[in-house]
Amino acid sequence: MSEVRKEQYKTLLILCAGLALIGWRFHWWYLTIGAAVLLVSGLISVSLLQKIADAWMWIGEKIGAVMSRVILSVVFVFVLTPIAVLYRAFGRKSRKEKRLSYFVERNHTYTAADLEKIF
């Protein structure tokens, strides 16, 4: 049995177990019956097994695309934005009081000795 087929069987078993568990927990028997029908039909037909696995992977990709944007938006709004606001409120005042710039003016005339050992 190839690795691809093993992954398809694993996907089928996890999908059916999840549906059966949700159906059993919330007493939605149609989910449990649907999980059993899906499991039996996936085990009998190899082409149907491939279609079920492909459909589940397609759904997973779409959910992943949406959730990554949601998670990044939440991190940006609730983590990075407050840090930026606090930095703007408290960071610049203390830096302005110390000095206006980090630039240090250096008036130095280079000689041949400066270029002998650069590092």
PDB file of N, CA and C in Angstrom:
ATOM      1  N   MET A   1       0.850  -1.172   0.000  1.00  0.00           N
ATOM      2  CA  MET A   1       0.000   0.000   0.000  1.00  0.00           C
ATOM      3  C   MET A   1       0.901   1.242   0.000  1.00  0.00           C
ATOM      4  N   SER A   2       0.583   2.204  -0.837  1.00  0.00           N
ATOM      5  CA  SER A   2       1.428   3.391  -0.974  1.00  0.00           C
ATOM      6  C   SER A   2       1.176   4.367   0.184  1.00  0.00           C
ATOM      7  N   GLU A   3       2.103   5.288   0.319  1.00  0.00           N
ATOM      8  CA  GLU A   3       1.994   6.294   1.384  1.00  0.00           C
ATOM      9  C   GLU A   3       0.786   7.192   1.165  1.00  0.00           C
ATOM     10  N   VAL A   4       0.492   7.496  -0.092  1.00  0.00           N
ATOM     11  CA  VAL A   4      -0.658   8.354  -0.393  1.00  0.00           C
ATOM     12  C   VAL A   4      -1.944   7.671   0.041  1.00  0.00           C
ATOM     13  N   ARG A   5      -2.060   6.382  -0.242  1.00  0.00           N
ATOM     14  CA  ARG A   5      -3.264   5.634   0.138  1.00  0.00           C
ATOM     15  C   ARG A   5      -3.390   5.559   1.664  1.00  0.00           C
ATOM     16  N   LYS A   6      -2.255   5.376   2.357  1.00  0.00           N
ATOM     17  CA  LYS A   6      -2.292   5.350   3.824  1.00  0.00           C
ATOM     18  C   LYS A   6      -2.773   6.678   4.376  1.00  0.00           C
ATOM     19  N   GLU A   7      -2.306   7.772   3.787  1.00  0.00           N
ATOM     20  CA  GLU A   7      -2.745   9.098   4.235  1.00  0.00           C
ATOM     21  C   GLU A   7      -4.233   9.303   3.959  1.00  0.00           C
ATOM     22  N   GLN A   8      -4.718   8.768   2.851  1.00  0.00           N
ATOM     23  CA  GLN A   8      -6.146   8.891   2.552  1.00  0.00           C
ATOM     24  C   GLN A   8      -6.990   8.101   3.545  1.00  0.00           C
ATOM     25  N   TYR A   9      -6.541   6.907   3.893  1.00  0.00           N
ATOM     26  CA  TYR A   9      -7.264   6.123   4.903  1.00  0.00           C
ATOM     27  C   TYR A   9      -7.221   6.810   6.266  1.00  0.00           C
ATOM     28  N   LYS A  10      -6.074   7.384   6.596  1.00  0.00           N
ATOM     29  CA  LYS A  10      -5.952   8.095   7.869  1.00  0.00           C
ATOM     30  C   LYS A  10      -6.899   9.294   7.903  1.00  0.00           C
ATOM     31  N   THR A  11      -6.968  10.033   6.793  1.00  0.00           N
ATOM     32  CA  THR A  11      -7.877  11.176   6.706  1.00  0.00           C
ATOM     33  C   THR A  11      -9.319  10.726   6.862  1.00  0.00           C
ATOM     34  N   LEU A  12      -9.680   9.626   6.209  1.00  0.00           N
ATOM     35  CA  LEU A  12     -11.042   9.100   6.308  1.00  0.00           C
ATOM     36  C   LEU A  12     -11.373   8.699   7.739  1.00  0.00           C
ATOM     37  N   LEU A  13     -10.470   8.000   8.396  1.00  0.00           N
ATOM     38  CA  LEU A  13     -10.731   7.561   9.764  1.00  0.00           C
ATOM     39  C   LEU A  13     -10.856   8.733  10.729  1.00  0.00           C
ATOM     40  N   ILE A  14      -9.994   9.731  10.590  1.00  0.00           N
ATOM     41  CA  ILE A  14     -10.060  10.895  11.474  1.00  0.00           C
ATOM     42  C   ILE A  14     -11.338  11.688  11.231  1.00  0.00           C
ATOM     43  N   LEU A  15     -11.704  11.862   9.963  1.00  0.00           N
ATOM     44  CA  LEU A  15     -12.928  12.581   9.631  1.00  0.00           C
ATOM     45  C   LEU A  15     -14.155  11.857  10.188  1.00  0.00           C
ATOM     46  N   CYS A  16     -14.227  10.559  10.005  1.00  0.00           N
ATOM     47  CA  CYS A  16     -15.377   9.786  10.502  1.00  0.00           C
ATOM     48  C   CYS A  16     -15.408   9.746  12.026  1.00  0.00           C
ATOM     49  N   ALA A  17     -14.257   9.606  12.657  1.00  0.00           N
ATOM     50  CA  ALA A  17     -14.218   9.600  14.116  1.00  0.00           C
ATOM     51  C   ALA A  17     -14.654  10.950  14.679  1.00  0.00           C
ATOM     52  N   GLY A  18     -14.213  12.028  14.042  1.00  0.00           N
ATOM     53  CA  GLY A  18     -14.626  13.360  14.493  1.00  0.00           C
ATOM     54  C   GLY A  18     -16.119  13.581  14.346  1.00  0.00           C
ATOM     55  N   LEU A  19     -16.664  13.202  13.195  1.00  0.00           N
ATOM     56  CA  LEU A  19     -18.109  13.342  12.986  1.00  0.00           C
ATOM     57  C   LEU A  19     -18.898  12.479  13.969  1.00  0.00           C
ATOM     58  N   ALA A  20     -18.440  11.249  14.187  1.00  0.00           N
ATOM     59  CA  ALA A  20     -19.141  10.360  15.114  1.00  0.00           C
ATOM     60  C   ALA A  20     -19.068  10.894  16.542  1.00  0.00           C
ATOM     61  N   LEU A  21     -17.928  11.419  16.935  1.00  0.00           N
ATOM     62  CA  LEU A  21     -17.773  11.968  18.282  1.00  0.00           C
ATOM     63  C   LEU A  21     -18.665  13.184  18.495  1.00  0.00           C
ATOM     64  N   ILE A  22     -18.707  14.079  17.522  1.00  0.00           N
ATOM     65  CA  ILE A  22     -19.577  15.256  17.635  1.00  0.00           C
ATOM     66  C   ILE A  22     -21.036  14.828  17.646  1.00  0.00           C
ATOM     67  N   GLY A  23     -21.399  13.886  16.784  1.00  0.00           N
ATOM     68  CA  GLY A  23     -22.775  13.392  16.763  1.00  0.00           C
ATOM     69  C   GLY A  23     -23.170  12.712  18.058  1.00  0.00           C
ATOM     70  N   TRP A  24     -22.255  11.947  18.637  1.00  0.00           N
ATOM     71  CA  TRP A  24     -22.544  11.272  19.901  1.00  0.00           C
ATOM     72  C   TRP A  24     -22.643  12.264  21.057  1.00  0.00           C
ATOM     73  N   ARG A  25     -21.749  13.244  21.087  1.00  0.00           N
ATOM     74  CA  ARG A  25     -21.707  14.202  22.197  1.00  0.00           C
ATOM     75  C   ARG A  25     -22.949  15.088  22.233  1.00  0.00           C
ATOM     76  N   PHE A  26     -23.379  15.578  21.080  1.00  0.00           N
ATOM     77  CA  PHE A  26     -24.507  16.507  21.030  1.00  0.00           C
ATOM     78  C   PHE A  26     -25.819  15.821  20.650  1.00  0.00           C
ATOM     79  N   HIS A  27     -25.820  14.501  20.586  1.00  0.00           N
ATOM     80  CA  HIS A  27     -27.012  13.709  20.263  1.00  0.00           C
ATOM     81  C   HIS A  27     -27.584  14.076  18.899  1.00  0.00           C
ATOM     82  N   TRP A  28     -26.695  14.356  17.954  1.00  0.00           N
ATOM     83  CA  TRP A  28     -27.091  14.572  16.572  1.00  0.00           C
ATOM     84  C   TRP A  28     -26.804  13.258  15.843  1.00  0.00           C
ATOM     85  N   TRP A  29     -27.772  12.354  15.843  1.00  0.00           N
ATOM     86  CA  TRP A  29     -27.560  11.002  15.352  1.00  0.00           C
ATOM     87  C   TRP A  29     -27.330  10.967  13.853  1.00  0.00           C
ATOM     88  N   TYR A  30     -27.822  11.987  13.149  1.00  0.00           N
ATOM     89  CA  TYR A  30     -27.591  12.003  11.705  1.00  0.00           C
ATOM     90  C   TYR A  30     -26.098  12.162  11.394  1.00  0.00           C
ATOM     91  N   LEU A  31     -25.336  12.834  12.243  1.00  0.00           N
ATOM     92  CA  LEU A  31     -23.889  12.927  12.039  1.00  0.00           C
ATOM     93  C   LEU A  31     -23.210  11.578  12.273  1.00  0.00           C
ATOM     94  N   THR A  32     -23.659  10.867  13.287  1.00  0.00           N
ATOM     95  CA  THR A  32     -23.082   9.552  13.576  1.00  0.00           C
ATOM     96  C   THR A  32     -23.393   8.575  12.446  1.00  0.00           C
ATOM     97  N   ILE A  33     -24.620   8.594  11.961  1.00  0.00           N
ATOM     98  CA  ILE A  33     -25.003   7.724  10.849  1.00  0.00           C
ATOM     99  C   ILE A  33     -24.247   8.135   9.579  1.00  0.00           C
ATOM    100  N   GLY A  34     -24.120   9.435   9.344  1.00  0.00           N
ATOM    101  CA  GLY A  34     -23.363   9.920   8.188  1.00  0.00           C
ATOM    102  C   GLY A  34     -21.906   9.509   8.256  1.00  0.00           C
ATOM    103  N   ALA A  35     -21.326   9.530   9.475  1.00  0.00           N
ATOM    104  CA  ALA A  35     -19.934   9.102   9.640  1.00  0.00           C
ATOM    105  C   ALA A  35     -19.787   7.618   9.319  1.00  0.00           C
ATOM    106  N   ALA A  36     -20.749   6.809   9.755  1.00  0.00           N
ATOM    107  CA  ALA A  36     -20.694   5.374   9.473  1.00  0.00           C
ATOM    108  C   ALA A  36     -20.829   5.114   7.973  1.00  0.00           C
ATOM    109  N   VAL A  37     -21.757   5.804   7.310  1.00  0.00           N
ATOM    110  CA  VAL A  37     -21.947   5.636   5.862  1.00  0.00           C
ATOM    111  C   VAL A  37     -20.691   6.086   5.112  1.00  0.00           C
ATOM    112  N   LEU A  38     -20.103   7.202   5.538  1.00  0.00           N
ATOM    113  CA  LEU A  38     -18.883   7.711   4.908  1.00  0.00           C
ATOM    114  C   LEU A  38     -17.726   6.732   5.082  1.00  0.00           C
ATOM    115  N   LEU A  39     -17.611   6.150   6.271  1.00  0.00           N
ATOM    116  CA  LEU A  39     -16.543   5.195   6.543  1.00  0.00           C
ATOM    117  C   LEU A  39     -16.686   3.940   5.687  1.00  0.00           C
ATOM    118  N   VAL A  40     -17.882   3.399   5.640  1.00  0.00           N
ATOM    119  CA  VAL A  40     -18.100   2.171   4.861  1.00  0.00           C
ATOM    120  C   VAL A  40     -17.897   2.428   3.365  1.00  0.00           C
ATOM    121  N   SER A  41     -18.430   3.544   2.876  1.00  0.00           N
ATOM    122  CA  SER A  41     -18.275   3.825   1.444  1.00  0.00           C
ATOM    123  C   SER A  41     -16.825   4.134   1.094  1.00  0.00           C
ATOM    124  N   GLY A  42     -16.085   4.773   1.982  1.00  0.00           N
ATOM    125  CA  GLY A  42     -14.671   5.039   1.739  1.00  0.00           C
ATOM    126  C   GLY A  42     -13.832   3.787   1.779  1.00  0.00           C
ATOM    127  N   LEU A  43     -14.192   2.842   2.636  1.00  0.00           N
ATOM    128  CA  LEU A  43     -13.449   1.588   2.708  1.00  0.00           C
ATOM    129  C   LEU A  43     -13.759   0.665   1.535  1.00  0.00           C
ATOM    130  N   ILE A  44     -14.959   0.767   0.984  1.00  0.00           N
ATOM    131  CA  ILE A  44     -15.330  -0.094  -0.141  1.00  0.00           C
ATOM    132  C   ILE A  44     -14.761   0.417  -1.460  1.00  0.00           C
ATOM    133  N   SER A  45     -14.907   1.702  -1.730  1.00  0.00           N
ATOM    134  CA  SER A  45     -14.513   2.268  -3.023  1.00  0.00           C
ATOM    135  C   SER A  45     -13.241   3.103  -2.882  1.00  0.00           C
ATOM    136  N   VAL A  46     -12.224   2.755  -3.649  1.00  0.00           N
ATOM    137  CA  VAL A  46     -10.958   3.477  -3.605  1.00  0.00           C
ATOM    138  C   VAL A  46     -11.103   4.849  -4.264  1.00  0.00           C
ATOM    139  N   SER A  47     -11.870   4.943  -5.328  1.00  0.00           N
ATOM    140  CA  SER A  47     -12.044   6.240  -6.000  1.00  0.00           C
ATOM    141  C   SER A  47     -12.830   7.204  -5.118  1.00  0.00           C
ATOM    142  N   LEU A  48     -13.820   6.682  -4.397  1.00  0.00           N
ATOM    143  CA  LEU A  48     -14.572   7.530  -3.460  1.00  0.00           C
ATOM    144  C   LEU A  48     -13.695   7.959  -2.292  1.00  0.00           C
ATOM    145  N   LEU A  49     -12.811   7.077  -1.853  1.00  0.00           N
ATOM    146  CA  LEU A  49     -11.853   7.416  -0.801  1.00  0.00           C
ATOM    147  C   LEU A  49     -10.973   8.580  -1.236  1.00  0.00           C
ATOM    148  N   GLN A  50     -10.502   8.548  -2.461  1.00  0.00           N
ATOM    149  CA  GLN A  50      -9.656   9.617  -2.976  1.00  0.00           C
ATOM    150  C   GLN A  50     -10.431  10.932  -3.061  1.00  0.00           C
ATOM    151  N   LYS A  51     -11.687  10.867  -3.493  1.00  0.00           N
ATOM    152  CA  LYS A  51     -12.506  12.078  -3.584  1.00  0.00           C
ATOM    153  C   LYS A  51     -12.785  12.662  -2.199  1.00  0.00           C
ATOM    154  N   ILE A  52     -13.042  11.808  -1.217  1.00  0.00           N
ATOM    155  CA  ILE A  52     -13.289  12.277   0.149  1.00  0.00           C
ATOM    156  C   ILE A  52     -12.042  12.952   0.708  1.00  0.00           C
ATOM    157  N   ALA A  53     -10.886  12.327   0.519  1.00  0.00           N
ATOM    158  CA  ALA A  53      -9.634  12.900   1.026  1.00  0.00           C
ATOM    159  C   ALA A  53      -9.309  14.214   0.334  1.00  0.00           C
ATOM    160  N   ASP A  54      -9.506  14.288  -0.974  1.00  0.00           N
ATOM    161  CA  ASP A  54      -9.246  15.525  -1.709  1.00  0.00           C
ATOM    162  C   ASP A  54     -10.188  16.645  -1.274  1.00  0.00           C
ATOM    163  N   ALA A  55     -11.464  16.305  -1.075  1.00  0.00           N
ATOM    164  CA  ALA A  55     -12.427  17.312  -0.626  1.00  0.00           C
ATOM    165  C   ALA A  55     -12.069  17.829   0.766  1.00  0.00           C
ATOM    166  N   TRP A  56     -11.669  16.935   1.650  1.00  0.00           N
ATOM    167  CA  TRP A  56     -11.294  17.348   2.997  1.00  0.00           C
ATOM    168  C   TRP A  56     -10.041  18.230   2.980  1.00  0.00           C
ATOM    169  N   MET A  57      -9.074  17.908   2.149  1.00  0.00           N
ATOM    170  CA  MET A  57      -7.873  18.733   2.044  1.00  0.00           C
ATOM    171  C   MET A  57      -8.207  20.103   1.457  1.00  0.00           C
ATOM    172  N   TRP A  58      -9.125  20.162   0.501  1.00  0.00           N
ATOM    173  CA  TRP A  58      -9.541  21.438  -0.069  1.00  0.00           C
ATOM    174  C   TRP A  58     -10.216  22.303   0.994  1.00  0.00           C
ATOM    175  N   ILE A  59     -11.099  21.690   1.790  1.00  0.00           N
ATOM    176  CA  ILE A  59     -11.763  22.422   2.873  1.00  0.00           C
ATOM    177  C   ILE A  59     -10.735  22.899   3.895  1.00  0.00           C
ATOM    178  N   GLY A  60      -9.775  22.047   4.207  1.00  0.00           N
ATOM    179  CA  GLY A  60      -8.730  22.426   5.163  1.00  0.00           C
ATOM    180  C   GLY A  60      -7.888  23.595   4.678  1.00  0.00           C
ATOM    181  N   GLU A  61      -7.580  23.627   3.385  1.00  0.00           N
ATOM    182  CA  GLU A  61      -6.821  24.748   2.829  1.00  0.00           C
ATOM    183  C   GLU A  61      -7.604  26.046   2.931  1.00  0.00           C
ATOM    184  N   LYS A  62      -8.896  26.000   2.647  1.00  0.00           N
ATOM    185  CA  LYS A  62      -9.722  27.204   2.725  1.00  0.00           C
ATOM    186  C   LYS A  62      -9.850  27.689   4.167  1.00  0.00           C
ATOM    187  N   ILE A  63     -10.054  26.770   5.098  1.00  0.00           N
ATOM    188  CA  ILE A  63     -10.130  27.148   6.513  1.00  0.00           C
ATOM    189  C   ILE A  63      -8.800  27.733   6.968  1.00  0.00           C
ATOM    190  N   GLY A  64      -7.695  27.139   6.546  1.00  0.00           N
ATOM    191  CA  GLY A  64      -6.377  27.645   6.915  1.00  0.00           C
ATOM    192  C   GLY A  64      -6.120  29.035   6.365  1.00  0.00           C
ATOM    193  N   ALA A  65      -6.564  29.299   5.140  1.00  0.00           N
ATOM    194  CA  ALA A  65      -6.368  30.625   4.551  1.00  0.00           C
ATOM    195  C   ALA A  65      -7.150  31.687   5.324  1.00  0.00           C
ATOM    196  N   VAL A  66      -8.358  31.359   5.741  1.00  0.00           N
ATOM    197  CA  VAL A  66      -9.171  32.325   6.492  1.00  0.00           C
ATOM    198  C   VAL A  66      -8.617  32.502   7.903  1.00  0.00           C
ATOM    199  N   MET A  67      -8.306  31.408   8.574  1.00  0.00           N
ATOM    200  CA  MET A  67      -7.874  31.498   9.969  1.00  0.00           C
ATOM    201  C   MET A  67      -6.514  32.173  10.111  1.00  0.00           C
ATOM    202  N   SER A  68      -5.628  32.012   9.152  1.00  0.00           N
ATOM    203  CA  SER A  68      -4.337  32.690   9.253  1.00  0.00           C
ATOM    204  C   SER A  68      -4.536  34.198   9.201  1.00  0.00           C
ATOM    205  N   ARG A  69      -5.439  34.659   8.377  1.00  0.00           N
ATOM    206  CA  ARG A  69      -5.716  36.093   8.319  1.00  0.00           C
ATOM    207  C   ARG A  69      -6.394  36.575   9.589  1.00  0.00           C
ATOM    208  N   VAL A  70      -7.296  35.775  10.137  1.00  0.00           N
ATOM    209  CA  VAL A  70      -7.968  36.158  11.375  1.00  0.00           C
ATOM    210  C   VAL A  70      -6.970  36.238  12.525  1.00  0.00           C
ATOM    211  N   ILE A  71      -6.111  35.245  12.654  1.00  0.00           N
ATOM    212  CA  ILE A  71      -5.128  35.227  13.743  1.00  0.00           C
ATOM    213  C   ILE A  71      -4.146  36.379  13.609  1.00  0.00           C
ATOM    214  N   LEU A  72      -3.663  36.642  12.398  1.00  0.00           N
ATOM    215  CA  LEU A  72      -2.751  37.759  12.202  1.00  0.00           C
ATOM    216  C   LEU A  72      -3.425  39.091  12.490  1.00  0.00           C
ATOM    217  N   SER A  73      -4.691  39.229  12.141  1.00  0.00           N
ATOM    218  CA  SER A  73      -5.417  40.461  12.438  1.00  0.00           C
ATOM    219  C   SER A  73      -5.588  40.660  13.933  1.00  0.00           C
ATOM    220  N   VAL A  74      -5.914  39.586  14.642  1.00  0.00           N
ATOM    221  CA  VAL A  74      -6.070  39.676  16.101  1.00  0.00           C
ATOM    222  C   VAL A  74      -4.750  40.039  16.761  1.00  0.00           C
ATOM    223  N   VAL A  75      -3.663  39.429  16.330  1.00  0.00           N
ATOM    224  CA  VAL A  75      -2.349  39.761  16.893  1.00  0.00           C
ATOM    225  C   VAL A  75      -2.001  41.214  16.606  1.00  0.00           C
ATOM    226  N   PHE A  76      -2.277  41.676  15.409  1.00  0.00           N
ATOM    227  CA  PHE A  76      -1.955  43.052  15.065  1.00  0.00           C
ATOM    228  C   PHE A  76      -2.766  44.028  15.909  1.00  0.00           C
ATOM    229  N   VAL A  77      -4.075  43.779  16.021  1.00  0.00           N
ATOM    230  CA  VAL A  77      -4.945  44.725  16.723  1.00  0.00           C
ATOM    231  C   VAL A  77      -4.723  44.691  18.236  1.00  0.00           C
ATOM    232  N   PHE A  78      -4.581  43.512  18.814  1.00  0.00           N
ATOM    233  CA  PHE A  78      -4.543  43.412  20.268  1.00  0.00           C
ATOM    234  C   PHE A  78      -3.143  43.338  20.864  1.00  0.00           C
ATOM    235  N   VAL A  79      -2.112  43.137  20.050  1.00  0.00           N
ATOM    236  CA  VAL A  79      -0.745  43.079  20.589  1.00  0.00           C
ATOM    237  C   VAL A  79       0.098  44.226  20.048  1.00  0.00           C
ATOM    238  N   LEU A  80       0.221  44.317  18.741  1.00  0.00           N
ATOM    239  CA  LEU A  80       1.126  45.302  18.158  1.00  0.00           C
ATOM    240  C   LEU A  80       0.605  46.733  18.276  1.00  0.00           C
ATOM    241  N   THR A  81      -0.693  46.933  18.103  1.00  0.00           N
ATOM    242  CA  THR A  81      -1.233  48.288  18.196  1.00  0.00           C
ATOM    243  C   THR A  81      -1.079  48.872  19.605  1.00  0.00           C
ATOM    244  N   PRO A  82      -1.414  48.157  20.694  1.00  0.00           N
ATOM    245  CA  PRO A  82      -1.174  48.738  22.024  1.00  0.00           C
ATOM    246  C   PRO A  82       0.302  49.004  22.312  1.00  0.00           C
ATOM    247  N   ILE A  83       1.176  48.139  21.828  1.00  0.00           N
ATOM    248  CA  ILE A  83       2.609  48.381  22.034  1.00  0.00           C
ATOM    249  C   ILE A  83       3.028  49.652  21.308  1.00  0.00           C
ATOM    250  N   ALA A  84       2.554  49.846  20.078  1.00  0.00           N
ATOM    251  CA  ALA A  84       2.895  51.054  19.326  1.00  0.00           C
ATOM    252  C   ALA A  84       2.338  52.299  19.982  1.00  0.00           C
ATOM    253  N   VAL A  85       1.121  52.217  20.516  1.00  0.00           N
ATOM    254  CA  VAL A  85       0.524  53.378  21.192  1.00  0.00           C
ATOM    255  C   VAL A  85       1.311  53.718  22.453  1.00  0.00           C
ATOM    256  N   LEU A  86       1.678  52.710  23.225  1.00  0.00           N
ATOM    257  CA  LEU A  86       2.476  52.967  24.433  1.00  0.00           C
ATOM    258  C   LEU A  86       3.847  53.514  24.095  1.00  0.00           C
ATOM    259  N   TYR A  87       4.448  53.019  23.042  1.00  0.00           N
ATOM    260  CA  TYR A  87       5.753  53.517  22.630  1.00  0.00           C
ATOM    261  C   TYR A  87       5.658  54.980  22.211  1.00  0.00           C
ATOM    262  N   ARG A  88       4.620  55.307  21.472  1.00  0.00           N
ATOM    263  CA  ARG A  88       4.451  56.703  21.056  1.00  0.00           C
ATOM    264  C   ARG A  88       4.133  57.594  22.244  1.00  0.00           C
ATOM    265  N   ALA A  89       3.405  57.081  23.204  1.00  0.00           N
ATOM    266  CA  ALA A  89       3.033  57.902  24.357  1.00  0.00           C
ATOM    267  C   ALA A  89       4.215  58.135  25.291  1.00  0.00           C
ATOM    268  N   PHE A  90       5.030  57.118  25.521  1.00  0.00           N
ATOM    269  CA  PHE A  90       6.077  57.240  26.530  1.00  0.00           C
ATOM    270  C   PHE A  90       7.492  57.211  25.962  1.00  0.00           C
ATOM    271  N   GLY A  91       7.707  56.629  24.827  1.00  0.00           N
ATOM    272  CA  GLY A  91       9.054  56.428  24.314  1.00  0.00           C
ATOM    273  C   GLY A  91       9.719  57.674  23.783  1.00  0.00           C
ATOM    274  N   ARG A  92       9.029  58.487  23.045  1.00  0.00           N
ATOM    275  CA  ARG A  92       9.658  59.625  22.390  1.00  0.00           C
ATOM    276  C   ARG A  92       9.976  60.748  23.359  1.00  0.00           C
ATOM    277  N   LYS A  93       9.149  60.966  24.362  1.00  0.00           N
ATOM    278  CA  LYS A  93       9.401  62.051  25.306  1.00  0.00           C
ATOM    279  C   LYS A  93      10.711  61.829  26.062  1.00  0.00           C
ATOM    280  N   SER A  94      10.903  60.617  26.518  1.00  0.00           N
ATOM    281  CA  SER A  94      12.122  60.355  27.273  1.00  0.00           C
ATOM    282  C   SER A  94      13.348  60.441  26.382  1.00  0.00           C
ATOM    283  N   ARG A  95      13.229  60.070  25.116  1.00  0.00           N
ATOM    284  CA  ARG A  95      14.352  60.148  24.214  1.00  0.00           C
ATOM    285  C   ARG A  95      14.664  61.603  23.848  1.00  0.00           C
ATOM    286  N   LYS A  96      13.649  62.441  23.719  1.00  0.00           N
ATOM    287  CA  LYS A  96      13.874  63.844  23.381  1.00  0.00           C
ATOM    288  C   LYS A  96      14.539  64.590  24.525  1.00  0.00           C
ATOM    289  N   GLU A  97      14.214  64.197  25.746  1.00  0.00           N
ATOM    290  CA  GLU A  97      14.823  64.867  26.882  1.00  0.00           C
ATOM    291  C   GLU A  97      16.319  64.585  26.947  1.00  0.00           C
ATOM    292  N   LYS A  98      16.748  63.407  26.586  1.00  0.00           N
ATOM    293  CA  LYS A  98      18.162  63.042  26.662  1.00  0.00           C
ATOM    294  C   LYS A  98      18.957  63.752  25.576  1.00  0.00           C
ATOM    295  N   ARG A  99      18.581  63.576  24.317  1.00  0.00           N
ATOM    296  CA  ARG A  99      19.238  64.249  23.211  1.00  0.00           C
ATOM    297  C   ARG A  99      18.308  64.241  22.005  1.00  0.00           C
ATOM    298  N   LEU A 100      18.555  65.114  21.111  1.00  0.00           N
ATOM    299  CA  LEU A 100      17.670  65.251  19.966  1.00  0.00           C
ATOM    300  C   LEU A 100      17.904  64.177  18.911  1.00  0.00           C
ATOM    301  N   SER A 101      19.139  63.675  18.817  1.00  0.00           N
ATOM    302  CA  SER A 101      19.456  62.728  17.762  1.00  0.00           C
ATOM    303  C   SER A 101      20.511  61.747  18.247  1.00  0.00           C
ATOM    304  N   TYR A 102      20.576  60.622  17.596  1.00  0.00           N
ATOM    305  CA  TYR A 102      21.623  59.644  17.883  1.00  0.00           C
ATOM    306  C   TYR A 102      22.855  59.886  17.021  1.00  0.00           C
ATOM    307  N   PHE A 103      22.787  60.849  16.138  1.00  0.00           N
ATOM    308  CA  PHE A 103      23.895  61.138  15.243  1.00  0.00           C
ATOM    309  C   PHE A 103      25.041  61.755  16.047  1.00  0.00           C
ATOM    310  N   VAL A 104      26.234  61.214  15.858  1.00  0.00           N
ATOM    311  CA  VAL A 104      27.425  61.729  16.534  1.00  0.00           C
ATOM    312  C   VAL A 104      28.336  62.310  15.461  1.00  0.00           C
ATOM    313  N   GLU A 105      28.624  63.582  15.583  1.00  0.00           N
ATOM    314  CA  GLU A 105      29.483  64.220  14.601  1.00  0.00           C
ATOM    315  C   GLU A 105      30.928  63.906  14.929  1.00  0.00           C
ATOM    316  N   ARG A 106      31.675  63.479  13.940  1.00  0.00           N
ATOM    317  CA  ARG A 106      33.057  63.082  14.147  1.00  0.00           C
ATOM    318  C   ARG A 106      33.924  63.768  13.100  1.00  0.00           C
ATOM    319  N   ASN A 107      34.735  64.673  13.514  1.00  0.00           N
ATOM    320  CA  ASN A 107      35.658  65.360  12.614  1.00  0.00           C
ATOM    321  C   ASN A 107      37.015  64.678  12.737  1.00  0.00           C
ATOM    322  N   HIS A 108      37.309  63.858  11.762  1.00  0.00           N
ATOM    323  CA  HIS A 108      38.537  63.087  11.817  1.00  0.00           C
ATOM    324  C   HIS A 108      39.184  63.100  10.444  1.00  0.00           C
ATOM    325  N   THR A 109      40.447  63.378  10.406  1.00  0.00           N
ATOM    326  CA  THR A 109      41.197  63.337   9.159  1.00  0.00           C
ATOM    327  C   THR A 109      41.877  61.981   9.067  1.00  0.00           C
ATOM    328  N   TYR A 110      41.563  61.269   7.999  1.00  0.00           N
ATOM    329  CA  TYR A 110      42.126  59.934   7.837  1.00  0.00           C
ATOM    330  C   TYR A 110      43.574  60.014   7.369  1.00  0.00           C
ATOM    331  N   THR A 111      44.365  59.096   7.917  1.00  0.00           N
ATOM    332  CA  THR A 111      45.771  58.996   7.536  1.00  0.00           C
ATOM    333  C   THR A 111      46.027  57.606   6.990  1.00  0.00           C
ATOM    334  N   ALA A 112      47.235  57.365   6.530  1.00  0.00           N
ATOM    335  CA  ALA A 112      47.603  56.046   6.004  1.00  0.00           C
ATOM    336  C   ALA A 112      47.552  54.979   7.086  1.00  0.00           C
ATOM    337  N   ALA A 113      47.875  55.340   8.319  1.00  0.00           N
ATOM    338  CA  ALA A 113      47.844  54.370   9.437  1.00  0.00           C
ATOM    339  C   ALA A 113      46.427  53.880   9.710  1.00  0.00           C
ATOM    340  N   ASP A 114      45.405  54.704   9.446  1.00  0.00           N
ATOM    341  CA  ASP A 114      44.011  54.274   9.649  1.00  0.00           C
ATOM    342  C   ASP A 114      43.620  53.162   8.684  1.00  0.00           C
ATOM    343  N   LEU A 115      44.246  53.091   7.553  1.00  0.00           N
ATOM    344  CA  LEU A 115      43.876  52.124   6.529  1.00  0.00           C
ATOM    345  C   LEU A 115      44.710  50.852   6.555  1.00  0.00           C
ATOM    346  N   GLU A 116      45.715  50.762   7.409  1.00  0.00           N
ATOM    347  CA  GLU A 116      46.540  49.572   7.461  1.00  0.00           C
ATOM    348  C   GLU A 116      45.844  48.411   8.144  1.00  0.00           C
ATOM    349  N   LYS A 117      45.257  48.623   9.289  1.00  0.00           N
ATOM    350  CA  LYS A 117      44.522  47.584  10.014  1.00  0.00           C
ATOM    351  C   LYS A 117      43.068  48.051  10.132  1.00  0.00           C
ATOM    352  N   ILE A 118      42.313  47.738   9.112  1.00  0.00           N
ATOM    353  CA  ILE A 118      40.934  48.240   9.067  1.00  0.00           C
ATOM    354  C   ILE A 118      40.061  47.545  10.121  1.00  0.00           C
ATOM    355  N   PHE A 119      40.270  46.258  10.285  1.00  0.00           N
ATOM    356  CA  PHE A 119      39.404  45.528  11.219  1.00  0.00           C
ATOM    357  C   PHE A 119      40.132  45.271  12.479  1.00  0.00           C
TER     358      PHE A 119
END
